[in-house]
């Protein structure tokens, strides 16, 4: 999609990446379980999954993916089925 900015210059924007998948901290799942689930479902490598788990623990929630709402909804459902708490924003 092409839009005009106030300076009358055309710029390209991606309208499909305007949604966020947010992982919320909980008092139920272990770090190891969260890390393994993020690796299995979201295809993060181990280091990424560990960082996400730690940041979620300390901050309460963290954006883990950006993208199309349909794609994120599918990930959300899979993560929820595994027992994680997630939302789309």
PDB file of N, CA and C in Angstrom:
ATOM      1  N   UNK A   1       0.845  -1.166   0.000  1.00  0.00           N
ATOM      2  CA  UNK A   1       0.000   0.000   0.000  1.00  0.00           C
ATOM      3  C   UNK A   1       0.891   1.229   0.000  1.00  0.00           C
ATOM      4  N   UNK A   2       0.563   2.227  -0.776  1.00  0.00           N
ATOM      5  CA  UNK A   2       1.313   3.471  -0.819  1.00  0.00           C
ATOM      6  C   UNK A   2       0.457   4.597  -0.271  1.00  0.00           C
ATOM      7  N   UNK A   3       1.037   5.395   0.600  1.00  0.00           N
ATOM      8  CA  UNK A   3       0.325   6.541   1.165  1.00  0.00           C
ATOM      9  C   UNK A   3       1.191   7.780   1.004  1.00  0.00           C
ATOM     10  N   UNK A   4       0.581   8.929   1.061  1.00  0.00           N
ATOM     11  CA  UNK A   4       1.325  10.185   1.014  1.00  0.00           C
ATOM     12  C   UNK A   4       1.492  10.712   2.425  1.00  0.00           C
ATOM     13  N   UNK A   5       2.709  11.136   2.732  1.00  0.00           N
ATOM     14  CA  UNK A   5       2.933  11.744   4.032  1.00  0.00           C
ATOM     15  C   UNK A   5       2.754  13.252   3.895  1.00  0.00           C
ATOM     16  N   UNK A   6       2.797  14.000   4.976  1.00  0.00           N
ATOM     17  CA  UNK A   6       2.553  15.446   4.895  1.00  0.00           C
ATOM     18  C   UNK A   6       3.513  16.197   3.974  1.00  0.00           C
ATOM     19  N   UNK A   7       4.682  15.656   3.727  1.00  0.00           N
ATOM     20  CA  UNK A   7       5.652  16.306   2.843  1.00  0.00           C
ATOM     21  C   UNK A   7       5.414  15.959   1.383  1.00  0.00           C
ATOM     22  N   UNK A   8       4.273  15.314   1.085  1.00  0.00           N
ATOM     23  CA  UNK A   8       3.904  14.893  -0.267  1.00  0.00           C
ATOM     24  C   UNK A   8       4.869  13.876  -0.864  1.00  0.00           C
ATOM     25  N   UNK A   9       5.558  13.149  -0.031  1.00  0.00           N
ATOM     26  CA  UNK A   9       6.421  12.080  -0.504  1.00  0.00           C
ATOM     27  C   UNK A   9       5.679  10.766  -0.314  1.00  0.00           C
ATOM     28  N   UNK A  10       5.774   9.896  -1.296  1.00  0.00           N
ATOM     29  CA  UNK A  10       5.134   8.588  -1.169  1.00  0.00           C
ATOM     30  C   UNK A  10       6.016   7.688  -0.327  1.00  0.00           C
ATOM     31  N   UNK A  11       5.386   6.882   0.489  1.00  0.00           N
ATOM     32  CA  UNK A  11       6.129   5.910   1.273  1.00  0.00           C
ATOM     33  C   UNK A  11       5.336   4.622   1.335  1.00  0.00           C
ATOM     34  N   UNK A  12       6.062   3.545   1.488  1.00  0.00           N
ATOM     35  CA  UNK A  12       5.449   2.234   1.528  1.00  0.00           C
ATOM     36  C   UNK A  12       5.247   1.816   2.977  1.00  0.00           C
ATOM     37  N   UNK A  13       4.070   1.311   3.287  1.00  0.00           N
ATOM     38  CA  UNK A  13       3.829   0.801   4.633  1.00  0.00           C
ATOM     39  C   UNK A  13       3.277  -0.608   4.526  1.00  0.00           C
ATOM     40  N   UNK A  14       3.517  -1.382   5.542  1.00  0.00           N
ATOM     41  CA  UNK A  14       3.007  -2.743   5.566  1.00  0.00           C
ATOM     42  C   UNK A  14       1.804  -2.776   6.500  1.00  0.00           C
ATOM     43  N   UNK A  15       0.610  -2.873   5.925  1.00  0.00           N
ATOM     44  CA  UNK A  15      -0.606  -2.851   6.736  1.00  0.00           C
ATOM     45  C   UNK A  15      -0.856  -4.182   7.442  1.00  0.00           C
ATOM     46  N   UNK A  16      -0.053  -5.183   7.137  1.00  0.00           N
ATOM     47  CA  UNK A  16      -0.266  -6.508   7.722  1.00  0.00           C
ATOM     48  C   UNK A  16       0.526  -6.721   9.005  1.00  0.00           C
ATOM     49  N   UNK A  17       1.320  -5.783   9.422  1.00  0.00           N
ATOM     50  CA  UNK A  17       2.136  -5.975  10.612  1.00  0.00           C
ATOM     51  C   UNK A  17       1.721  -5.032  11.734  1.00  0.00           C
ATOM     52  N   UNK A  18       0.461  -4.699  11.786  1.00  0.00           N
ATOM     53  CA  UNK A  18       0.018  -3.735  12.782  1.00  0.00           C
ATOM     54  C   UNK A  18      -0.561  -4.375  14.036  1.00  0.00           C
ATOM     55  N   UNK A  19      -0.422  -5.673  14.200  1.00  0.00           N
ATOM     56  CA  UNK A  19      -0.920  -6.359  15.395  1.00  0.00           C
ATOM     57  C   UNK A  19       0.257  -6.956  16.161  1.00  0.00           C
ATOM     58  N   UNK A  20       0.051  -7.136  17.462  1.00  0.00           N
ATOM     59  CA  UNK A  20       1.100  -7.659  18.331  1.00  0.00           C
ATOM     60  C   UNK A  20       0.576  -8.849  19.125  1.00  0.00           C
ATOM     61  N   UNK A  21       1.416  -9.853  19.279  1.00  0.00           N
ATOM     62  CA  UNK A  21       1.115 -10.982  20.149  1.00  0.00           C
ATOM     63  C   UNK A  21       1.866 -10.742  21.454  1.00  0.00           C
ATOM     64  N   UNK A  22       1.127 -10.710  22.552  1.00  0.00           N
ATOM     65  CA  UNK A  22       1.690 -10.347  23.851  1.00  0.00           C
ATOM     66  C   UNK A  22       1.642 -11.554  24.785  1.00  0.00           C
ATOM     67  N   UNK A  23       2.790 -11.890  25.359  1.00  0.00           N
ATOM     68  CA  UNK A  23       2.880 -12.956  26.351  1.00  0.00           C
ATOM     69  C   UNK A  23       2.793 -12.325  27.732  1.00  0.00           C
ATOM     70  N   UNK A  24       1.931 -12.886  28.588  1.00  0.00           N
ATOM     71  CA  UNK A  24       1.720 -12.367  29.942  1.00  0.00           C
ATOM     72  C   UNK A  24       2.335 -13.318  30.965  1.00  0.00           C
ATOM     73  N   UNK A  25       2.883 -12.750  32.010  1.00  0.00           N
ATOM     74  CA  UNK A  25       3.447 -13.541  33.092  1.00  0.00           C
ATOM     75  C   UNK A  25       2.330 -14.266  33.842  1.00  0.00           C
ATOM     76  N   UNK A  26       2.631 -15.440  34.344  1.00  0.00           N
ATOM     77  CA  UNK A  26       1.687 -16.159  35.205  1.00  0.00           C
ATOM     78  C   UNK A  26       2.463 -16.834  36.323  1.00  0.00           C
ATOM     79  N   UNK A  27       1.755 -17.315  37.304  1.00  0.00           N
ATOM     80  CA  UNK A  27       2.379 -17.987  38.441  1.00  0.00           C
ATOM     81  C   UNK A  27       2.222 -19.497  38.353  1.00  0.00           C
ATOM     82  N   UNK A  28       1.924 -19.991  37.151  1.00  0.00           N
ATOM     83  CA  UNK A  28       1.630 -21.407  36.976  1.00  0.00           C
ATOM     84  C   UNK A  28       2.757 -22.142  36.256  1.00  0.00           C
ATOM     85  N   UNK A  29       3.187 -21.605  35.129  1.00  0.00           N
ATOM     86  CA  UNK A  29       4.140 -22.305  34.268  1.00  0.00           C
ATOM     87  C   UNK A  29       5.586 -22.052  34.683  1.00  0.00           C
ATOM     88  N   UNK A  30       6.407 -23.096  34.578  1.00  0.00           N
ATOM     89  CA  UNK A  30       7.827 -22.971  34.891  1.00  0.00           C
ATOM     90  C   UNK A  30       8.554 -22.295  33.732  1.00  0.00           C
ATOM     91  N   UNK A  31       9.748 -21.767  34.029  1.00  0.00           N
ATOM     92  CA  UNK A  31      10.562 -21.170  32.973  1.00  0.00           C
ATOM     93  C   UNK A  31      10.854 -22.190  31.882  1.00  0.00           C
ATOM     94  N   UNK A  32      11.218 -23.394  32.285  1.00  0.00           N
ATOM     95  CA  UNK A  32      11.549 -24.425  31.292  1.00  0.00           C
ATOM     96  C   UNK A  32      10.371 -24.723  30.375  1.00  0.00           C
ATOM     97  N   UNK A  33       9.172 -24.787  30.941  1.00  0.00           N
ATOM     98  CA  UNK A  33       7.993 -25.057  30.126  1.00  0.00           C
ATOM     99  C   UNK A  33       7.729 -23.913  29.148  1.00  0.00           C
ATOM    100  N   UNK A  34       7.819 -22.673  29.637  1.00  0.00           N
ATOM    101  CA  UNK A  34       7.586 -21.513  28.770  1.00  0.00           C
ATOM    102  C   UNK A  34       8.618 -21.491  27.643  1.00  0.00           C
ATOM    103  N   UNK A  35       9.868 -21.717  27.972  1.00  0.00           N
ATOM    104  CA  UNK A  35      10.937 -21.710  26.968  1.00  0.00           C
ATOM    105  C   UNK A  35      10.686 -22.779  25.917  1.00  0.00           C
ATOM    106  N   UNK A  36      10.392 -23.994  26.345  1.00  0.00           N
ATOM    107  CA  UNK A  36      10.143 -25.083  25.395  1.00  0.00           C
ATOM    108  C   UNK A  36       8.925 -24.782  24.524  1.00  0.00           C
ATOM    109  N   UNK A  37       7.873 -24.248  25.121  1.00  0.00           N
ATOM    110  CA  UNK A  37       6.659 -23.933  24.366  1.00  0.00           C
ATOM    111  C   UNK A  37       6.925 -22.855  23.324  1.00  0.00           C
ATOM    112  N   UNK A  38       7.663 -21.813  23.694  1.00  0.00           N
ATOM    113  CA  UNK A  38       8.005 -20.757  22.736  1.00  0.00           C
ATOM    114  C   UNK A  38       8.857 -21.297  21.591  1.00  0.00           C
ATOM    115  N   UNK A  39       9.751 -22.222  21.905  1.00  0.00           N
ATOM    116  CA  UNK A  39      10.578 -22.831  20.857  1.00  0.00           C
ATOM    117  C   UNK A  39       9.726 -23.697  19.932  1.00  0.00           C
ATOM    118  N   UNK A  40       8.843 -24.491  20.507  1.00  0.00           N
ATOM    119  CA  UNK A  40       8.031 -25.421  19.716  1.00  0.00           C
ATOM    120  C   UNK A  40       6.983 -24.715  18.864  1.00  0.00           C
ATOM    121  N   UNK A  41       6.298 -23.744  19.420  1.00  0.00           N
ATOM    122  CA  UNK A  41       5.167 -23.120  18.724  1.00  0.00           C
ATOM    123  C   UNK A  41       5.585 -21.901  17.906  1.00  0.00           C
ATOM    124  N   UNK A  42       6.428 -21.061  18.482  1.00  0.00           N
ATOM    125  CA  UNK A  42       6.816 -19.813  17.798  1.00  0.00           C
ATOM    126  C   UNK A  42       8.132 -19.940  17.037  1.00  0.00           C
ATOM    127  N   UNK A  43       8.805 -21.057  17.198  1.00  0.00           N
ATOM    128  CA  UNK A  43      10.064 -21.338  16.498  1.00  0.00           C
ATOM    129  C   UNK A  43      11.182 -20.366  16.860  1.00  0.00           C
ATOM    130  N   UNK A  44      11.192 -19.921  18.128  1.00  0.00           N
ATOM    131  CA  UNK A  44      12.314 -19.138  18.621  1.00  0.00           C
ATOM    132  C   UNK A  44      13.454 -20.096  18.921  1.00  0.00           C
ATOM    133  N   UNK A  45      14.696 -19.604  18.823  1.00  0.00           N
ATOM    134  CA  UNK A  45      15.795 -20.453  19.271  1.00  0.00           C
ATOM    135  C   UNK A  45      15.849 -20.383  20.800  1.00  0.00           C
ATOM    136  N   UNK A  46      16.696 -21.200  21.397  1.00  0.00           N
ATOM    137  CA  UNK A  46      16.706 -21.314  22.858  1.00  0.00           C
ATOM    138  C   UNK A  46      17.052 -19.995  23.549  1.00  0.00           C
ATOM    139  N   UNK A  47      18.019 -19.271  23.012  1.00  0.00           N
ATOM    140  CA  UNK A  47      18.421 -18.000  23.617  1.00  0.00           C
ATOM    141  C   UNK A  47      17.277 -16.989  23.561  1.00  0.00           C
ATOM    142  N   UNK A  48      16.612 -16.887  22.419  1.00  0.00           N
ATOM    143  CA  UNK A  48      15.476 -15.971  22.291  1.00  0.00           C
ATOM    144  C   UNK A  48      14.370 -16.337  23.277  1.00  0.00           C
ATOM    145  N   UNK A  49      14.045 -17.618  23.348  1.00  0.00           N
ATOM    146  CA  UNK A  49      12.972 -18.072  24.235  1.00  0.00           C
ATOM    147  C   UNK A  49      13.310 -17.793  25.700  1.00  0.00           C
ATOM    148  N   UNK A  50      14.573 -17.996  26.089  1.00  0.00           N
ATOM    149  CA  UNK A  50      14.994 -17.702  27.459  1.00  0.00           C
ATOM    150  C   UNK A  50      14.864 -16.214  27.762  1.00  0.00           C
ATOM    151  N   UNK A  51      15.295 -15.368  26.824  1.00  0.00           N
ATOM    152  CA  UNK A  51      15.201 -13.922  27.031  1.00  0.00           C
ATOM    153  C   UNK A  51      13.747 -13.478  27.156  1.00  0.00           C
ATOM    154  N   UNK A  52      12.879 -14.025  26.314  1.00  0.00           N
ATOM    155  CA  UNK A  52      11.454 -13.689  26.376  1.00  0.00           C
ATOM    156  C   UNK A  52      10.868 -14.101  27.721  1.00  0.00           C
ATOM    157  N   UNK A  53      11.199 -15.311  28.176  1.00  0.00           N
ATOM    158  CA  UNK A  53      10.681 -15.796  29.459  1.00  0.00           C
ATOM    159  C   UNK A  53      11.134 -14.898  30.615  1.00  0.00           C
ATOM    160  N   UNK A  54      12.403 -14.527  30.622  1.00  0.00           N
ATOM    161  CA  UNK A  54      12.916 -13.666  31.690  1.00  0.00           C
ATOM    162  C   UNK A  54      12.294 -12.273  31.649  1.00  0.00           C
ATOM    163  N   UNK A  55      12.222 -11.681  30.464  1.00  0.00           N
ATOM    164  CA  UNK A  55      11.626 -10.349  30.345  1.00  0.00           C
ATOM    165  C   UNK A  55      10.153 -10.359  30.748  1.00  0.00           C
ATOM    166  N   UNK A  56       9.445 -11.407  30.366  1.00  0.00           N
ATOM    167  CA  UNK A  56       8.034 -11.519  30.734  1.00  0.00           C
ATOM    168  C   UNK A  56       7.892 -11.622  32.250  1.00  0.00           C
ATOM    169  N   UNK A  57       8.767 -12.397  32.870  1.00  0.00           N
ATOM    170  CA  UNK A  57       8.732 -12.564  34.324  1.00  0.00           C
ATOM    171  C   UNK A  57       8.935 -11.226  35.042  1.00  0.00           C
ATOM    172  N   UNK A  58       9.909 -10.451  34.586  1.00  0.00           N
ATOM    173  CA  UNK A  58      10.242  -9.206  35.275  1.00  0.00           C
ATOM    174  C   UNK A  58       9.351  -8.031  34.886  1.00  0.00           C
ATOM    175  N   UNK A  59       8.864  -7.995  33.653  1.00  0.00           N
ATOM    176  CA  UNK A  59       8.046  -6.867  33.198  1.00  0.00           C
ATOM    177  C   UNK A  59       6.546  -7.134  33.285  1.00  0.00           C
ATOM    178  N   UNK A  60       6.163  -8.402  33.383  1.00  0.00           N
ATOM    179  CA  UNK A  60       4.743  -8.743  33.467  1.00  0.00           C
ATOM    180  C   UNK A  60       4.134  -9.139  32.137  1.00  0.00           C
ATOM    181  N   UNK A  61       4.638  -8.543  31.073  1.00  0.00           N
ATOM    182  CA  UNK A  61       4.182  -8.906  29.724  1.00  0.00           C
ATOM    183  C   UNK A  61       5.197  -8.385  28.718  1.00  0.00           C
ATOM    184  N   UNK A  62       5.214  -8.999  27.547  1.00  0.00           N
ATOM    185  CA  UNK A  62       6.138  -8.569  26.504  1.00  0.00           C
ATOM    186  C   UNK A  62       5.561  -8.937  25.140  1.00  0.00           C
ATOM    187  N   UNK A  63       5.798  -8.082  24.169  1.00  0.00           N
ATOM    188  CA  UNK A  63       5.395  -8.369  22.793  1.00  0.00           C
ATOM    189  C   UNK A  63       6.377  -9.391  22.234  1.00  0.00           C
ATOM    190  N   UNK A  64       5.844 -10.522  21.749  1.00  0.00           N
ATOM    191  CA  UNK A  64       6.729 -11.558  21.223  1.00  0.00           C
ATOM    192  C   UNK A  64       6.680 -11.683  19.706  1.00  0.00           C
ATOM    193  N   UNK A  65       5.633 -11.171  19.088  1.00  0.00           N
ATOM    194  CA  UNK A  65       5.517 -11.222  17.623  1.00  0.00           C
ATOM    195  C   UNK A  65       4.710 -10.033  17.136  1.00  0.00           C
ATOM    196  N   UNK A  66       5.022  -9.587  15.926  1.00  0.00           N
ATOM    197  CA  UNK A  66       4.226  -8.600  15.190  1.00  0.00           C
ATOM    198  C   UNK A  66       3.773  -9.274  13.913  1.00  0.00           C
ATOM    199  N   UNK A  67       2.595  -8.918  13.426  1.00  0.00           N
ATOM    200  CA  UNK A  67       2.192  -9.481  12.150  1.00  0.00           C
ATOM    201  C   UNK A  67       0.714  -9.400  11.874  1.00  0.00           C
ATOM    202  N   UNK A  68       0.324 -10.170  10.889  1.00  0.00           N
ATOM    203  CA  UNK A  68      -1.059 -10.267  10.444  1.00  0.00           C
ATOM    204  C   UNK A  68      -1.914 -10.865  11.560  1.00  0.00           C
ATOM    205  N   UNK A  69      -3.105 -10.330  11.747  1.00  0.00           N
ATOM    206  CA  UNK A  69      -3.972 -10.786  12.840  1.00  0.00           C
ATOM    207  C   UNK A  69      -4.317 -12.271  12.717  1.00  0.00           C
ATOM    208  N   UNK A  70      -4.558 -12.766  11.510  1.00  0.00           N
ATOM    209  CA  UNK A  70      -4.889 -14.187  11.343  1.00  0.00           C
ATOM    210  C   UNK A  70      -3.732 -15.081  11.778  1.00  0.00           C
ATOM    211  N   UNK A  71      -2.519 -14.709  11.397  1.00  0.00           N
ATOM    212  CA  UNK A  71      -1.331 -15.475  11.783  1.00  0.00           C
ATOM    213  C   UNK A  71      -1.159 -15.450  13.302  1.00  0.00           C
ATOM    214  N   UNK A  72      -1.279 -14.266  13.885  1.00  0.00           N
ATOM    215  CA  UNK A  72      -1.106 -14.145  15.332  1.00  0.00           C
ATOM    216  C   UNK A  72      -2.207 -14.864  16.099  1.00  0.00           C
ATOM    217  N   UNK A  73      -3.414 -14.871  15.565  1.00  0.00           N
ATOM    218  CA  UNK A  73      -4.519 -15.579  16.213  1.00  0.00           C
ATOM    219  C   UNK A  73      -4.245 -17.074  16.263  1.00  0.00           C
ATOM    220  N   UNK A  74      -3.691 -17.618  15.192  1.00  0.00           N
ATOM    221  CA  UNK A  74      -3.347 -19.043  15.173  1.00  0.00           C
ATOM    222  C   UNK A  74      -2.280 -19.350  16.223  1.00  0.00           C
ATOM    223  N   UNK A  75      -1.259 -18.496  16.316  1.00  0.00           N
ATOM    224  CA  UNK A  75      -0.232 -18.684  17.344  1.00  0.00           C
ATOM    225  C   UNK A  75      -0.831 -18.554  18.740  1.00  0.00           C
ATOM    226  N   UNK A  76      -1.689 -17.568  18.924  1.00  0.00           N
ATOM    227  CA  UNK A  76      -2.334 -17.336  20.220  1.00  0.00           C
ATOM    228  C   UNK A  76      -3.097 -18.572  20.676  1.00  0.00           C
ATOM    229  N   UNK A  77      -3.884 -19.141  19.778  1.00  0.00           N
ATOM    230  CA  UNK A  77      -4.663 -20.331  20.133  1.00  0.00           C
ATOM    231  C   UNK A  77      -3.754 -21.490  20.520  1.00  0.00           C
ATOM    232  N   UNK A  78      -2.676 -21.683  19.778  1.00  0.00           N
ATOM    233  CA  UNK A  78      -1.737 -22.766  20.089  1.00  0.00           C
ATOM    234  C   UNK A  78      -1.064 -22.540  21.439  1.00  0.00           C
ATOM    235  N   UNK A  79      -0.655 -21.309  21.701  1.00  0.00           N
ATOM    236  CA  UNK A  79      -0.015 -21.004  22.982  1.00  0.00           C
ATOM    237  C   UNK A  79      -0.994 -21.161  24.142  1.00  0.00           C
ATOM    238  N   UNK A  80      -2.239 -20.749  23.939  1.00  0.00           N
ATOM    239  CA  UNK A  80      -3.261 -20.913  24.981  1.00  0.00           C
ATOM    240  C   UNK A  80      -3.560 -22.385  25.227  1.00  0.00           C
ATOM    241  N   UNK A  81      -3.621 -23.180  24.169  1.00  0.00           N
ATOM    242  CA  UNK A  81      -3.846 -24.624  24.339  1.00  0.00           C
ATOM    243  C   UNK A  81      -2.721 -25.260  25.146  1.00  0.00           C
ATOM    244  N   UNK A  82      -1.522 -24.710  25.006  1.00  0.00           N
ATOM    245  CA  UNK A  82      -0.381 -25.218  25.766  1.00  0.00           C
ATOM    246  C   UNK A  82      -0.395 -24.730  27.213  1.00  0.00           C
ATOM    247  N   UNK A  83      -1.224 -23.724  27.516  1.00  0.00           N
ATOM    248  CA  UNK A  83      -1.343 -23.244  28.881  1.00  0.00           C
ATOM    249  C   UNK A  83      -0.748 -21.875  29.152  1.00  0.00           C
ATOM    250  N   UNK A  84      -0.234 -21.199  28.122  1.00  0.00           N
ATOM    251  CA  UNK A  84       0.323 -19.866  28.320  1.00  0.00           C
ATOM    252  C   UNK A  84      -0.781 -18.814  28.216  1.00  0.00           C
ATOM    253  N   UNK A  85      -0.539 -17.662  28.818  1.00  0.00           N
ATOM    254  CA  UNK A  85      -1.486 -16.552  28.770  1.00  0.00           C
ATOM    255  C   UNK A  85      -0.981 -15.535  27.760  1.00  0.00           C
ATOM    256  N   UNK A  86      -1.750 -15.335  26.696  1.00  0.00           N
ATOM    257  CA  UNK A  86      -1.359 -14.423  25.621  1.00  0.00           C
ATOM    258  C   UNK A  86      -2.561 -13.602  25.177  1.00  0.00           C
ATOM    259  N   UNK A  87      -2.270 -12.474  24.537  1.00  0.00           N
ATOM    260  CA  UNK A  87      -3.324 -11.634  23.981  1.00  0.00           C
ATOM    261  C   UNK A  87      -2.813 -10.994  22.700  1.00  0.00           C
ATOM    262  N   UNK A  88      -3.735 -10.441  21.933  1.00  0.00           N
ATOM    263  CA  UNK A  88      -3.381  -9.718  20.712  1.00  0.00           C
ATOM    264  C   UNK A  88      -3.741  -8.258  20.921  1.00  0.00           C
ATOM    265  N   UNK A  89      -2.791  -7.393  20.632  1.00  0.00           N
ATOM    266  CA  UNK A  89      -3.010  -5.965  20.798  1.00  0.00           C
ATOM    267  C   UNK A  89      -2.745  -5.210  19.532  1.00  0.00           C
TER     268      UNK A  89
END
